[in-house]
N, C-alpha and C. Protein backbone atom coordinates (compact mmCIF):
# COMPACT_ATOMS: atom_id res chain seq x y z
N MET A 1 0.85 -1.20 0.00
CA MET A 1 0.00 0.00 0.00
C MET A 1 0.88 1.24 0.00
N THR A 2 0.60 2.17 -0.88
CA THR A 2 1.36 3.41 -0.95
C THR A 2 0.72 4.46 -0.05
N HIS A 3 1.50 4.98 0.88
CA HIS A 3 0.99 6.02 1.76
C HIS A 3 1.21 7.38 1.12
N PRO A 4 0.24 8.28 1.24
CA PRO A 4 0.43 9.61 0.66
C PRO A 4 1.51 10.38 1.40
N LYS A 5 2.13 11.28 0.67
CA LYS A 5 3.14 12.12 1.30
C LYS A 5 2.52 12.93 2.44
N PRO A 6 3.27 13.15 3.53
CA PRO A 6 2.79 14.11 4.52
C PRO A 6 2.72 15.50 3.93
N VAL A 7 1.76 16.27 4.37
CA VAL A 7 1.60 17.66 3.95
C VAL A 7 2.02 18.54 5.12
N THR A 8 3.04 19.34 4.91
CA THR A 8 3.62 20.13 6.00
C THR A 8 3.53 21.62 5.69
N LEU A 9 2.90 22.36 6.58
CA LEU A 9 2.78 23.81 6.45
C LEU A 9 3.83 24.46 7.33
N ILE A 10 4.63 25.33 6.74
CA ILE A 10 5.72 26.03 7.45
C ILE A 10 5.47 27.52 7.39
N THR A 11 5.37 28.18 8.54
CA THR A 11 5.27 29.64 8.53
C THR A 11 6.68 30.24 8.54
N GLY A 12 6.77 31.49 8.11
CA GLY A 12 8.08 32.13 8.03
C GLY A 12 8.99 31.40 7.07
N ALA A 13 8.42 30.93 5.95
CA ALA A 13 9.16 30.04 5.06
C ALA A 13 10.08 30.76 4.09
N SER A 14 10.04 32.08 4.05
CA SER A 14 10.79 32.79 3.02
C SER A 14 12.22 33.15 3.42
N GLY A 15 12.66 32.76 4.62
CA GLY A 15 14.02 33.10 5.02
C GLY A 15 14.50 32.25 6.18
N GLY A 16 15.82 32.25 6.38
CA GLY A 16 16.43 31.66 7.55
C GLY A 16 16.07 30.21 7.80
N ILE A 17 15.58 29.93 9.00
CA ILE A 17 15.23 28.57 9.38
C ILE A 17 14.11 28.03 8.50
N GLY A 18 13.19 28.89 8.08
CA GLY A 18 12.09 28.45 7.23
C GLY A 18 12.56 27.87 5.91
N VAL A 19 13.51 28.53 5.27
CA VAL A 19 14.07 28.02 4.01
C VAL A 19 14.77 26.69 4.26
N ALA A 20 15.53 26.61 5.35
CA ALA A 20 16.23 25.37 5.68
C ALA A 20 15.25 24.24 5.93
N LEU A 21 14.15 24.53 6.63
CA LEU A 21 13.13 23.51 6.87
C LEU A 21 12.54 23.00 5.56
N ALA A 22 12.26 23.92 4.65
CA ALA A 22 11.68 23.52 3.37
C ALA A 22 12.60 22.56 2.62
N HIS A 23 13.90 22.83 2.64
CA HIS A 23 14.83 21.96 1.94
C HIS A 23 15.01 20.62 2.65
N VAL A 24 15.08 20.63 3.97
CA VAL A 24 15.23 19.39 4.71
C VAL A 24 14.01 18.49 4.55
N LEU A 25 12.83 19.10 4.47
CA LEU A 25 11.58 18.35 4.35
C LEU A 25 11.09 18.27 2.91
N HIS A 26 12.01 18.28 1.96
CA HIS A 26 11.64 18.37 0.54
C HIS A 26 10.85 17.16 0.05
N ARG A 27 10.88 16.04 0.78
CA ARG A 27 10.11 14.87 0.36
C ARG A 27 8.64 14.98 0.75
N HIS A 28 8.30 15.97 1.57
CA HIS A 28 6.90 16.22 1.93
C HIS A 28 6.25 17.07 0.85
N ARG A 29 4.93 17.07 0.83
CA ARG A 29 4.22 18.15 0.14
C ARG A 29 4.29 19.35 1.07
N LEU A 30 4.72 20.48 0.55
CA LEU A 30 4.97 21.64 1.40
C LEU A 30 4.02 22.78 1.08
N LEU A 31 3.52 23.40 2.13
CA LEU A 31 2.78 24.65 2.04
C LEU A 31 3.64 25.70 2.72
N LEU A 32 4.18 26.60 1.93
CA LEU A 32 5.17 27.56 2.43
C LEU A 32 4.50 28.90 2.65
N ALA A 33 4.36 29.28 3.91
CA ALA A 33 3.59 30.47 4.28
C ALA A 33 4.49 31.65 4.56
N GLY A 34 4.05 32.81 4.12
CA GLY A 34 4.77 34.05 4.37
C GLY A 34 4.05 35.21 3.71
N ARG A 35 4.68 36.39 3.77
CA ARG A 35 4.07 37.59 3.19
C ARG A 35 4.67 37.98 1.85
N ASP A 36 5.88 37.50 1.55
CA ASP A 36 6.59 37.92 0.34
C ASP A 36 6.33 36.92 -0.78
N ALA A 37 5.41 37.26 -1.67
CA ALA A 37 5.02 36.33 -2.73
C ALA A 37 6.20 35.98 -3.64
N GLY A 38 7.06 36.95 -3.91
CA GLY A 38 8.20 36.70 -4.79
C GLY A 38 9.17 35.70 -4.20
N LYS A 39 9.52 35.87 -2.93
CA LYS A 39 10.44 34.93 -2.28
C LYS A 39 9.84 33.54 -2.18
N LEU A 40 8.55 33.47 -1.85
CA LEU A 40 7.91 32.17 -1.76
C LEU A 40 7.88 31.47 -3.11
N ALA A 41 7.59 32.20 -4.17
CA ALA A 41 7.57 31.61 -5.51
C ALA A 41 8.96 31.09 -5.90
N GLY A 42 9.99 31.86 -5.58
CA GLY A 42 11.35 31.42 -5.88
C GLY A 42 11.72 30.16 -5.15
N LEU A 43 11.34 30.06 -3.86
CA LEU A 43 11.64 28.86 -3.09
C LEU A 43 10.85 27.67 -3.61
N CYS A 44 9.59 27.88 -3.93
CA CYS A 44 8.77 26.78 -4.46
C CYS A 44 9.36 26.22 -5.76
N ALA A 45 9.97 27.10 -6.55
CA ALA A 45 10.55 26.65 -7.82
C ALA A 45 11.75 25.72 -7.61
N GLU A 46 12.36 25.78 -6.42
CA GLU A 46 13.52 24.93 -6.12
C GLU A 46 13.13 23.56 -5.59
N LEU A 47 11.86 23.37 -5.27
CA LEU A 47 11.43 22.17 -4.55
C LEU A 47 10.46 21.36 -5.40
N PRO A 48 10.44 20.04 -5.22
CA PRO A 48 9.63 19.20 -6.10
C PRO A 48 8.13 19.28 -5.90
N ASP A 49 7.67 19.61 -4.68
CA ASP A 49 6.23 19.58 -4.41
C ASP A 49 5.89 20.61 -3.35
N ALA A 50 5.95 21.88 -3.74
CA ALA A 50 5.72 22.97 -2.80
C ALA A 50 4.80 24.00 -3.41
N ALA A 51 3.99 24.61 -2.56
CA ALA A 51 3.07 25.66 -3.00
C ALA A 51 3.12 26.81 -2.01
N PRO A 52 3.00 28.05 -2.49
CA PRO A 52 3.02 29.20 -1.59
C PRO A 52 1.67 29.40 -0.90
N LEU A 53 1.72 29.98 0.28
CA LEU A 53 0.51 30.33 1.02
C LEU A 53 0.73 31.71 1.63
N LEU A 54 0.06 32.71 1.09
CA LEU A 54 0.25 34.07 1.59
C LEU A 54 -0.50 34.25 2.90
N LEU A 55 0.25 34.57 3.96
CA LEU A 55 -0.32 34.78 5.30
C LEU A 55 0.37 35.98 5.94
N ASP A 56 -0.43 36.87 6.50
CA ASP A 56 0.10 37.98 7.29
C ASP A 56 -0.20 37.65 8.75
N LEU A 57 0.83 37.25 9.49
CA LEU A 57 0.61 36.79 10.86
C LEU A 57 0.17 37.90 11.81
N ALA A 58 0.29 39.14 11.39
CA ALA A 58 -0.21 40.24 12.21
C ALA A 58 -1.72 40.40 12.07
N ARG A 59 -2.34 39.60 11.17
CA ARG A 59 -3.78 39.69 10.94
C ARG A 59 -4.42 38.30 11.07
N PRO A 60 -4.49 37.77 12.28
CA PRO A 60 -5.06 36.42 12.46
C PRO A 60 -6.49 36.31 11.97
N GLU A 61 -7.20 37.43 11.92
CA GLU A 61 -8.59 37.39 11.45
C GLU A 61 -8.69 37.01 9.96
N SER A 62 -7.56 37.06 9.25
CA SER A 62 -7.55 36.73 7.82
C SER A 62 -7.25 35.25 7.55
N PHE A 63 -6.92 34.48 8.59
CA PHE A 63 -6.44 33.12 8.37
C PHE A 63 -7.52 32.20 7.81
N ALA A 64 -8.73 32.30 8.32
CA ALA A 64 -9.78 31.36 7.91
C ALA A 64 -9.98 31.39 6.40
N ASP A 65 -10.01 32.58 5.83
CA ASP A 65 -10.17 32.69 4.38
C ASP A 65 -8.96 32.13 3.64
N ALA A 66 -7.76 32.40 4.17
CA ALA A 66 -6.53 31.93 3.51
C ALA A 66 -6.44 30.41 3.50
N LEU A 67 -7.00 29.77 4.53
CA LEU A 67 -6.89 28.31 4.65
C LEU A 67 -8.07 27.57 4.04
N ALA A 68 -9.05 28.29 3.54
CA ALA A 68 -10.32 27.68 3.13
C ALA A 68 -10.14 26.58 2.09
N GLY A 69 -9.18 26.72 1.20
CA GLY A 69 -9.02 25.74 0.13
C GLY A 69 -8.17 24.54 0.47
N LEU A 70 -7.60 24.51 1.67
CA LEU A 70 -6.71 23.41 2.02
C LEU A 70 -7.50 22.15 2.34
N GLU A 71 -6.95 21.02 1.96
CA GLU A 71 -7.56 19.74 2.31
C GLU A 71 -6.75 19.10 3.43
N ARG A 72 -5.74 18.31 3.08
CA ARG A 72 -4.92 17.66 4.11
C ARG A 72 -3.86 18.60 4.66
N VAL A 73 -3.61 18.50 5.98
CA VAL A 73 -2.42 19.07 6.60
C VAL A 73 -1.97 18.05 7.66
N THR A 74 -0.74 17.57 7.52
CA THR A 74 -0.20 16.56 8.43
C THR A 74 0.60 17.20 9.56
N ASN A 75 1.43 18.16 9.18
CA ASN A 75 2.31 18.82 10.15
C ASN A 75 2.19 20.33 10.00
N LEU A 76 2.21 21.01 11.13
CA LEU A 76 2.19 22.47 11.17
C LEU A 76 3.42 22.93 11.93
N ILE A 77 4.28 23.67 11.26
CA ILE A 77 5.51 24.16 11.89
C ILE A 77 5.43 25.67 12.03
N HIS A 78 5.33 26.12 13.26
CA HIS A 78 5.29 27.55 13.57
C HIS A 78 6.73 28.05 13.68
N ASN A 79 7.21 28.66 12.62
CA ASN A 79 8.59 29.11 12.58
C ASN A 79 8.72 30.63 12.55
N ALA A 80 7.70 31.34 12.06
CA ALA A 80 7.80 32.80 11.90
C ALA A 80 7.84 33.50 13.26
N GLY A 81 8.44 34.66 13.28
CA GLY A 81 8.47 35.45 14.50
C GLY A 81 8.98 36.85 14.24
N THR A 82 8.80 37.70 15.23
CA THR A 82 9.29 39.07 15.15
C THR A 82 9.93 39.44 16.48
N VAL A 83 10.91 40.33 16.45
CA VAL A 83 11.59 40.74 17.68
C VAL A 83 11.95 42.22 17.61
N GLU A 84 11.70 42.91 18.70
CA GLU A 84 12.16 44.29 18.90
C GLU A 84 12.69 44.36 20.32
N LEU A 85 13.99 44.62 20.46
CA LEU A 85 14.56 44.72 21.79
C LEU A 85 14.28 46.09 22.39
N GLY A 86 14.24 46.14 23.71
CA GLY A 86 14.01 47.40 24.41
C GLY A 86 13.55 47.15 25.82
N SER A 87 13.81 48.11 26.69
CA SER A 87 13.43 47.95 28.09
C SER A 87 11.93 48.14 28.27
N VAL A 88 11.44 47.66 29.39
CA VAL A 88 10.02 47.86 29.72
C VAL A 88 9.70 49.35 29.77
N ALA A 89 10.63 50.13 30.25
CA ALA A 89 10.40 51.57 30.39
C ALA A 89 10.23 52.28 29.05
N GLU A 90 10.83 51.73 28.00
CA GLU A 90 10.84 52.46 26.73
C GLU A 90 9.96 51.85 25.64
N GLN A 91 9.56 50.61 25.77
CA GLN A 91 8.79 50.00 24.69
C GLN A 91 7.32 50.39 24.76
N SER A 92 6.76 50.70 23.59
CA SER A 92 5.38 51.14 23.50
C SER A 92 4.43 49.95 23.48
N HIS A 93 3.15 50.24 23.72
CA HIS A 93 2.16 49.17 23.67
C HIS A 93 2.01 48.63 22.25
N GLU A 94 2.32 49.47 21.23
CA GLU A 94 2.26 48.97 19.86
C GLU A 94 3.27 47.85 19.63
N VAL A 95 4.48 47.99 20.18
CA VAL A 95 5.48 46.92 20.06
C VAL A 95 5.01 45.66 20.75
N TRP A 96 4.50 45.81 21.96
CA TRP A 96 4.00 44.65 22.70
C TRP A 96 2.86 43.96 21.94
N THR A 97 1.93 44.77 21.43
CA THR A 97 0.77 44.20 20.75
C THR A 97 1.18 43.45 19.49
N ARG A 98 2.05 44.02 18.68
CA ARG A 98 2.49 43.35 17.46
C ARG A 98 3.28 42.09 17.79
N THR A 99 4.19 42.18 18.76
CA THR A 99 5.02 41.02 19.10
C THR A 99 4.17 39.86 19.58
N LEU A 100 3.22 40.14 20.45
CA LEU A 100 2.35 39.07 20.94
C LEU A 100 1.43 38.54 19.85
N ALA A 101 0.96 39.43 18.97
CA ALA A 101 0.09 39.00 17.87
C ALA A 101 0.81 38.02 16.95
N VAL A 102 2.01 38.37 16.53
CA VAL A 102 2.74 37.55 15.57
C VAL A 102 3.28 36.28 16.21
N ASN A 103 3.85 36.42 17.41
CA ASN A 103 4.57 35.30 18.03
C ASN A 103 3.69 34.34 18.81
N THR A 104 2.51 34.80 19.25
CA THR A 104 1.68 33.95 20.12
C THR A 104 0.25 33.81 19.61
N VAL A 105 -0.41 34.93 19.34
CA VAL A 105 -1.82 34.86 18.93
C VAL A 105 -1.95 34.17 17.57
N ALA A 106 -1.08 34.52 16.63
CA ALA A 106 -1.15 33.90 15.30
C ALA A 106 -0.97 32.38 15.36
N PRO A 107 0.05 31.86 16.07
CA PRO A 107 0.15 30.40 16.18
C PRO A 107 -1.07 29.76 16.84
N ALA A 108 -1.64 30.41 17.84
CA ALA A 108 -2.83 29.85 18.48
C ALA A 108 -4.00 29.78 17.50
N GLU A 109 -4.22 30.85 16.76
CA GLU A 109 -5.33 30.89 15.81
C GLU A 109 -5.12 29.89 14.68
N LEU A 110 -3.92 29.85 14.14
CA LEU A 110 -3.62 28.95 13.03
C LEU A 110 -3.78 27.48 13.47
N THR A 111 -3.29 27.19 14.66
CA THR A 111 -3.42 25.82 15.18
C THR A 111 -4.88 25.44 15.36
N GLY A 112 -5.65 26.32 15.96
CA GLY A 112 -7.06 26.03 16.18
C GLY A 112 -7.81 25.75 14.89
N LEU A 113 -7.51 26.52 13.85
CA LEU A 113 -8.19 26.33 12.58
C LEU A 113 -7.79 25.02 11.89
N LEU A 114 -6.55 24.59 12.10
CA LEU A 114 -6.05 23.40 11.40
C LEU A 114 -6.18 22.12 12.22
N LEU A 115 -6.60 22.20 13.46
CA LEU A 115 -6.64 21.01 14.30
C LEU A 115 -7.49 19.87 13.72
N PRO A 116 -8.65 20.13 13.14
CA PRO A 116 -9.39 18.99 12.56
C PRO A 116 -8.58 18.23 11.52
N ARG A 117 -7.84 18.94 10.67
CA ARG A 117 -7.01 18.29 9.67
C ARG A 117 -5.85 17.54 10.31
N LEU A 118 -5.23 18.15 11.31
CA LEU A 118 -4.10 17.52 12.00
C LEU A 118 -4.53 16.26 12.73
N ARG A 119 -5.71 16.30 13.34
CA ARG A 119 -6.22 15.11 14.02
C ARG A 119 -6.48 13.98 13.04
N ALA A 120 -7.05 14.31 11.90
CA ALA A 120 -7.34 13.30 10.88
C ALA A 120 -6.08 12.61 10.40
N GLU A 121 -4.95 13.33 10.43
CA GLU A 121 -3.67 12.79 9.95
C GLU A 121 -2.83 12.22 11.09
N ARG A 122 -3.27 12.39 12.33
CA ARG A 122 -2.43 12.05 13.50
C ARG A 122 -1.05 12.69 13.30
N GLY A 123 -1.10 13.99 13.04
CA GLY A 123 0.10 14.72 12.67
C GLY A 123 0.81 15.36 13.85
N ALA A 124 1.49 16.47 13.57
CA ALA A 124 2.30 17.13 14.59
C ALA A 124 2.21 18.64 14.46
N VAL A 125 2.33 19.29 15.60
CA VAL A 125 2.48 20.75 15.64
C VAL A 125 3.84 21.04 16.26
N VAL A 126 4.67 21.77 15.54
CA VAL A 126 6.00 22.12 16.02
C VAL A 126 6.06 23.62 16.25
N PHE A 127 6.44 24.00 17.45
CA PHE A 127 6.63 25.40 17.79
C PHE A 127 8.14 25.67 17.84
N VAL A 128 8.65 26.42 16.87
CA VAL A 128 10.05 26.83 16.92
C VAL A 128 10.10 28.04 17.85
N ASN A 129 10.47 27.77 19.08
CA ASN A 129 10.46 28.77 20.13
C ASN A 129 11.80 29.50 20.16
N SER A 130 12.43 29.64 21.29
CA SER A 130 13.68 30.39 21.42
C SER A 130 14.23 30.14 22.82
N GLY A 131 15.54 30.36 22.97
CA GLY A 131 16.10 30.35 24.31
C GLY A 131 15.44 31.38 25.20
N ALA A 132 14.90 32.45 24.57
CA ALA A 132 14.19 33.48 25.33
C ALA A 132 12.85 32.99 25.84
N GLY A 133 12.41 31.82 25.37
CA GLY A 133 11.20 31.21 25.91
C GLY A 133 11.46 30.43 27.19
N LEU A 134 12.75 30.36 27.59
CA LEU A 134 13.13 29.65 28.81
C LEU A 134 13.72 30.60 29.85
N ARG A 135 14.27 31.70 29.38
CA ARG A 135 14.88 32.67 30.29
C ARG A 135 14.83 34.05 29.66
N ALA A 136 14.41 35.03 30.45
CA ALA A 136 14.29 36.41 29.95
C ALA A 136 15.43 37.26 30.49
N GLY A 137 16.09 37.97 29.59
CA GLY A 137 17.14 38.90 30.00
C GLY A 137 16.70 40.34 29.85
N ALA A 138 17.53 41.24 30.34
CA ALA A 138 17.24 42.67 30.23
C ALA A 138 17.11 43.07 28.77
N GLY A 139 16.09 43.84 28.44
CA GLY A 139 15.86 44.31 27.08
C GLY A 139 15.07 43.34 26.22
N TRP A 140 14.74 42.18 26.76
CA TRP A 140 14.06 41.14 25.97
C TRP A 140 12.63 40.92 26.42
N SER A 141 12.06 41.83 27.19
CA SER A 141 10.79 41.54 27.87
C SER A 141 9.65 41.20 26.91
N SER A 142 9.42 42.01 25.88
CA SER A 142 8.27 41.75 25.01
C SER A 142 8.46 40.45 24.22
N TYR A 143 9.66 40.25 23.69
CA TYR A 143 9.92 39.03 22.93
C TYR A 143 9.85 37.80 23.83
N ALA A 144 10.51 37.87 24.98
CA ALA A 144 10.51 36.72 25.89
C ALA A 144 9.11 36.42 26.40
N ALA A 145 8.33 37.45 26.68
CA ALA A 145 6.95 37.23 27.13
C ALA A 145 6.16 36.48 26.07
N SER A 146 6.36 36.85 24.80
CA SER A 146 5.64 36.16 23.73
C SER A 146 6.08 34.71 23.61
N LYS A 147 7.36 34.45 23.87
CA LYS A 147 7.88 33.09 23.74
C LYS A 147 7.55 32.24 24.97
N PHE A 148 7.52 32.85 26.16
CA PHE A 148 7.03 32.13 27.34
C PHE A 148 5.57 31.73 27.11
N ALA A 149 4.80 32.65 26.55
CA ALA A 149 3.39 32.36 26.26
C ALA A 149 3.28 31.26 25.20
N LEU A 150 4.19 31.24 24.23
CA LEU A 150 4.18 30.20 23.21
C LEU A 150 4.46 28.84 23.83
N ARG A 151 5.35 28.82 24.80
CA ARG A 151 5.62 27.57 25.53
C ARG A 151 4.37 27.10 26.25
N ALA A 152 3.66 28.03 26.90
CA ALA A 152 2.42 27.67 27.60
C ALA A 152 1.38 27.14 26.61
N LEU A 153 1.28 27.78 25.46
CA LEU A 153 0.36 27.31 24.42
C LEU A 153 0.69 25.87 24.03
N ALA A 154 1.96 25.59 23.79
CA ALA A 154 2.37 24.24 23.40
C ALA A 154 2.09 23.23 24.52
N ASP A 155 2.40 23.60 25.76
CA ASP A 155 2.18 22.68 26.88
C ASP A 155 0.70 22.36 27.04
N SER A 156 -0.16 23.36 26.95
CA SER A 156 -1.60 23.13 27.06
C SER A 156 -2.11 22.27 25.91
N LEU A 157 -1.67 22.61 24.70
CA LEU A 157 -2.11 21.85 23.52
C LEU A 157 -1.69 20.39 23.62
N ARG A 158 -0.48 20.15 24.12
CA ARG A 158 0.00 18.77 24.24
C ARG A 158 -0.91 17.95 25.15
N GLU A 159 -1.33 18.55 26.26
CA GLU A 159 -2.24 17.86 27.18
C GLU A 159 -3.62 17.66 26.54
N GLU A 160 -4.09 18.68 25.86
CA GLU A 160 -5.44 18.62 25.25
C GLU A 160 -5.52 17.58 24.14
N GLU A 161 -4.42 17.40 23.40
CA GLU A 161 -4.44 16.51 22.24
C GLU A 161 -3.78 15.17 22.50
N ALA A 162 -3.53 14.86 23.77
CA ALA A 162 -2.81 13.63 24.11
C ALA A 162 -3.50 12.38 23.56
N HIS A 163 -4.82 12.40 23.47
CA HIS A 163 -5.55 11.20 23.02
C HIS A 163 -5.99 11.28 21.56
N SER A 164 -5.62 12.36 20.88
CA SER A 164 -6.02 12.50 19.47
C SER A 164 -4.96 11.99 18.51
N GLY A 165 -3.77 11.74 19.03
CA GLY A 165 -2.67 11.32 18.16
C GLY A 165 -1.84 12.46 17.61
N VAL A 166 -2.21 13.71 17.92
CA VAL A 166 -1.43 14.87 17.46
C VAL A 166 -0.26 15.08 18.42
N ARG A 167 0.93 15.06 17.87
CA ARG A 167 2.13 15.28 18.68
C ARG A 167 2.46 16.78 18.70
N VAL A 168 2.84 17.27 19.85
CA VAL A 168 3.15 18.69 20.02
C VAL A 168 4.60 18.81 20.51
N ILE A 169 5.39 19.56 19.75
CA ILE A 169 6.84 19.62 19.97
C ILE A 169 7.27 21.08 20.07
N SER A 170 8.03 21.39 21.11
CA SER A 170 8.64 22.72 21.24
C SER A 170 10.14 22.59 21.02
N VAL A 171 10.68 23.45 20.17
CA VAL A 171 12.11 23.48 19.89
C VAL A 171 12.64 24.83 20.33
N TYR A 172 13.71 24.81 21.12
CA TYR A 172 14.28 26.04 21.67
C TYR A 172 15.69 26.24 21.12
N PRO A 173 15.81 26.87 19.95
CA PRO A 173 17.15 27.11 19.40
C PRO A 173 17.84 28.26 20.12
N GLY A 174 19.15 28.13 20.24
CA GLY A 174 19.95 29.28 20.62
C GLY A 174 20.19 30.16 19.41
N ARG A 175 21.17 31.02 19.50
CA ARG A 175 21.39 31.99 18.42
C ARG A 175 21.77 31.29 17.12
N THR A 176 21.06 31.69 16.06
CA THR A 176 21.18 31.04 14.76
C THR A 176 21.48 32.11 13.71
N ASP A 177 22.26 31.73 12.73
CA ASP A 177 22.69 32.66 11.68
C ASP A 177 21.54 32.95 10.72
N THR A 178 20.77 33.98 11.03
CA THR A 178 19.61 34.38 10.23
C THR A 178 19.56 35.90 10.12
N ALA A 179 18.69 36.38 9.26
CA ALA A 179 18.49 37.83 9.15
C ALA A 179 17.97 38.40 10.46
N MET A 180 17.12 37.66 11.17
CA MET A 180 16.63 38.14 12.47
C MET A 180 17.78 38.30 13.46
N GLN A 181 18.73 37.37 13.42
CA GLN A 181 19.88 37.47 14.32
C GLN A 181 20.73 38.69 14.00
N ARG A 182 20.86 38.99 12.72
CA ARG A 182 21.60 40.21 12.33
C ARG A 182 20.91 41.45 12.91
N LYS A 183 19.58 41.45 12.84
CA LYS A 183 18.82 42.58 13.38
C LYS A 183 19.03 42.68 14.89
N VAL A 184 18.99 41.55 15.58
CA VAL A 184 19.18 41.54 17.03
C VAL A 184 20.56 42.07 17.39
N ARG A 185 21.59 41.60 16.70
CA ARG A 185 22.95 42.05 17.03
C ARG A 185 23.10 43.56 16.77
N ALA A 186 22.44 44.05 15.73
CA ALA A 186 22.48 45.49 15.47
C ALA A 186 21.79 46.24 16.60
N GLN A 187 20.65 45.72 17.08
CA GLN A 187 19.95 46.37 18.19
C GLN A 187 20.77 46.32 19.48
N GLU A 188 21.56 45.27 19.62
CA GLU A 188 22.43 45.15 20.79
C GLU A 188 23.70 45.99 20.66
N GLY A 189 23.93 46.53 19.46
CA GLY A 189 25.14 47.31 19.21
C GLY A 189 26.39 46.45 19.17
N GLN A 190 26.23 45.20 18.71
CA GLN A 190 27.34 44.25 18.69
C GLN A 190 27.67 43.85 17.26
N PRO A 191 28.93 43.47 17.00
CA PRO A 191 29.29 43.01 15.66
C PRO A 191 28.64 41.66 15.35
N TYR A 192 28.56 41.36 14.06
CA TYR A 192 27.92 40.11 13.65
C TYR A 192 28.97 39.15 13.12
N ASP A 193 29.08 38.00 13.76
CA ASP A 193 30.01 36.95 13.34
C ASP A 193 29.21 35.68 13.11
N PRO A 194 28.90 35.36 11.87
CA PRO A 194 28.05 34.18 11.61
C PRO A 194 28.64 32.88 12.15
N ASP A 195 29.96 32.82 12.26
CA ASP A 195 30.59 31.59 12.76
C ASP A 195 30.34 31.35 14.24
N ALA A 196 29.84 32.38 14.93
CA ALA A 196 29.54 32.21 16.36
C ALA A 196 28.17 31.57 16.59
N PHE A 197 27.39 31.41 15.53
CA PHE A 197 26.01 30.96 15.67
C PHE A 197 25.79 29.63 14.94
N MET A 198 24.67 28.99 15.25
CA MET A 198 24.29 27.76 14.55
C MET A 198 23.83 28.08 13.14
N ARG A 199 23.96 27.09 12.27
CA ARG A 199 23.41 27.21 10.94
C ARG A 199 21.91 26.92 10.98
N PRO A 200 21.11 27.58 10.16
CA PRO A 200 19.68 27.27 10.11
C PRO A 200 19.41 25.79 9.81
N GLU A 201 20.28 25.18 9.00
CA GLU A 201 20.11 23.77 8.66
C GLU A 201 20.21 22.87 9.88
N THR A 202 20.99 23.30 10.87
CA THR A 202 21.12 22.51 12.10
C THR A 202 19.79 22.45 12.84
N VAL A 203 19.13 23.59 12.94
CA VAL A 203 17.82 23.65 13.60
C VAL A 203 16.81 22.83 12.79
N ALA A 204 16.85 22.97 11.47
CA ALA A 204 15.91 22.24 10.62
C ALA A 204 16.08 20.73 10.77
N GLN A 205 17.32 20.27 10.87
CA GLN A 205 17.56 18.84 11.04
C GLN A 205 17.01 18.36 12.38
N ALA A 206 17.09 19.19 13.42
CA ALA A 206 16.55 18.82 14.72
C ALA A 206 15.03 18.69 14.67
N VAL A 207 14.38 19.60 13.96
CA VAL A 207 12.93 19.52 13.79
C VAL A 207 12.57 18.25 13.04
N CYS A 208 13.30 17.94 11.98
CA CYS A 208 13.06 16.73 11.20
C CYS A 208 13.22 15.49 12.07
N TYR A 209 14.22 15.47 12.91
CA TYR A 209 14.46 14.34 13.83
C TYR A 209 13.25 14.13 14.73
N ALA A 210 12.71 15.22 15.27
CA ALA A 210 11.55 15.10 16.16
C ALA A 210 10.32 14.63 15.40
N LEU A 211 10.13 15.12 14.18
CA LEU A 211 8.98 14.70 13.38
C LEU A 211 9.06 13.22 13.01
N ASP A 212 10.28 12.73 12.79
CA ASP A 212 10.47 11.36 12.33
C ASP A 212 10.53 10.34 13.45
N ALA A 213 10.40 10.79 14.70
CA ALA A 213 10.46 9.85 15.82
C ALA A 213 9.38 8.79 15.68
N PRO A 214 9.66 7.53 15.99
CA PRO A 214 8.64 6.49 15.94
C PRO A 214 7.43 6.84 16.80
N ARG A 215 6.27 6.28 16.46
CA ARG A 215 5.03 6.64 17.14
C ARG A 215 5.01 6.21 18.61
N ASP A 216 5.92 5.34 19.02
CA ASP A 216 5.92 4.94 20.43
C ASP A 216 6.68 5.93 21.31
N ALA A 217 7.13 7.03 20.72
CA ALA A 217 7.86 8.05 21.48
C ALA A 217 7.37 9.43 21.09
N LEU A 218 7.42 10.33 22.06
CA LEU A 218 7.14 11.74 21.80
C LEU A 218 8.32 12.57 22.26
N ILE A 219 8.96 13.25 21.33
CA ILE A 219 9.99 14.23 21.68
C ILE A 219 9.26 15.54 21.90
N SER A 220 8.95 15.84 23.14
CA SER A 220 8.11 17.00 23.41
C SER A 220 8.89 18.31 23.42
N GLU A 221 10.18 18.26 23.78
CA GLU A 221 11.00 19.48 23.83
C GLU A 221 12.42 19.17 23.39
N LEU A 222 12.98 20.09 22.63
CA LEU A 222 14.38 20.02 22.21
C LEU A 222 15.02 21.38 22.45
N THR A 223 16.14 21.39 23.14
CA THR A 223 16.91 22.62 23.33
C THR A 223 18.23 22.47 22.60
N ILE A 224 18.55 23.45 21.76
CA ILE A 224 19.74 23.38 20.91
C ILE A 224 20.54 24.66 21.13
N ARG A 225 21.83 24.50 21.33
CA ARG A 225 22.70 25.66 21.56
C ARG A 225 23.91 25.62 20.63
N PRO A 226 24.46 26.77 20.25
CA PRO A 226 25.69 26.75 19.47
C PRO A 226 26.81 26.09 20.27
N ALA A 227 27.62 25.29 19.59
CA ALA A 227 28.74 24.66 20.25
C ALA A 227 29.82 25.69 20.54
N VAL A 228 30.56 25.46 21.62
CA VAL A 228 31.68 26.33 21.97
C VAL A 228 32.81 26.03 20.99
N ARG A 229 33.36 27.08 20.36
CA ARG A 229 34.42 26.88 19.37
C ARG A 229 35.71 27.55 19.81
């Protein structure tokens, strides 16, 4: 009997870890979500079975219409995110609202809408979190709060879906060589040395490892850090 390919939806697919995930999971049918139609089209052209999905994570109210035509979804990988560093004293409510909307509310809404499909496939939800989801430092309050909340979302979902066959996985990467990391280092006023950070492909391989775990095991959390060099 031939089993159909898994269908995997990846948010934030147009750069960094998202691009690496798409290439590592190239044997899946891929739904590559993002806002940049040109970048998504270019990435889809490199892959054997990929389609773009335009999503603006700052507008969760638009998701239902965007997802209306989808049939199967086996895996949902929440990879997109936004970060603005700043102290509690200086950050505006607009920064807090956008950060929480993109990093926490959007994954919650997207997951809720896709759960019937995920249950039918006994699939997986992967939250690409952050080291800031485990520990908050000075200047990281809004981002860390959104990632702590993302961890809570994953923990609750894992308990709620324990009997449905949907696996829920949180991945906590350390600093990774991405455009977001360049932005962070600029905000920190620090030089950028890509050799000091993990490659996006390393994080993508860890996600693939968790997805491929046999059904008698659940890898619920993975923490990955750059090696000391």
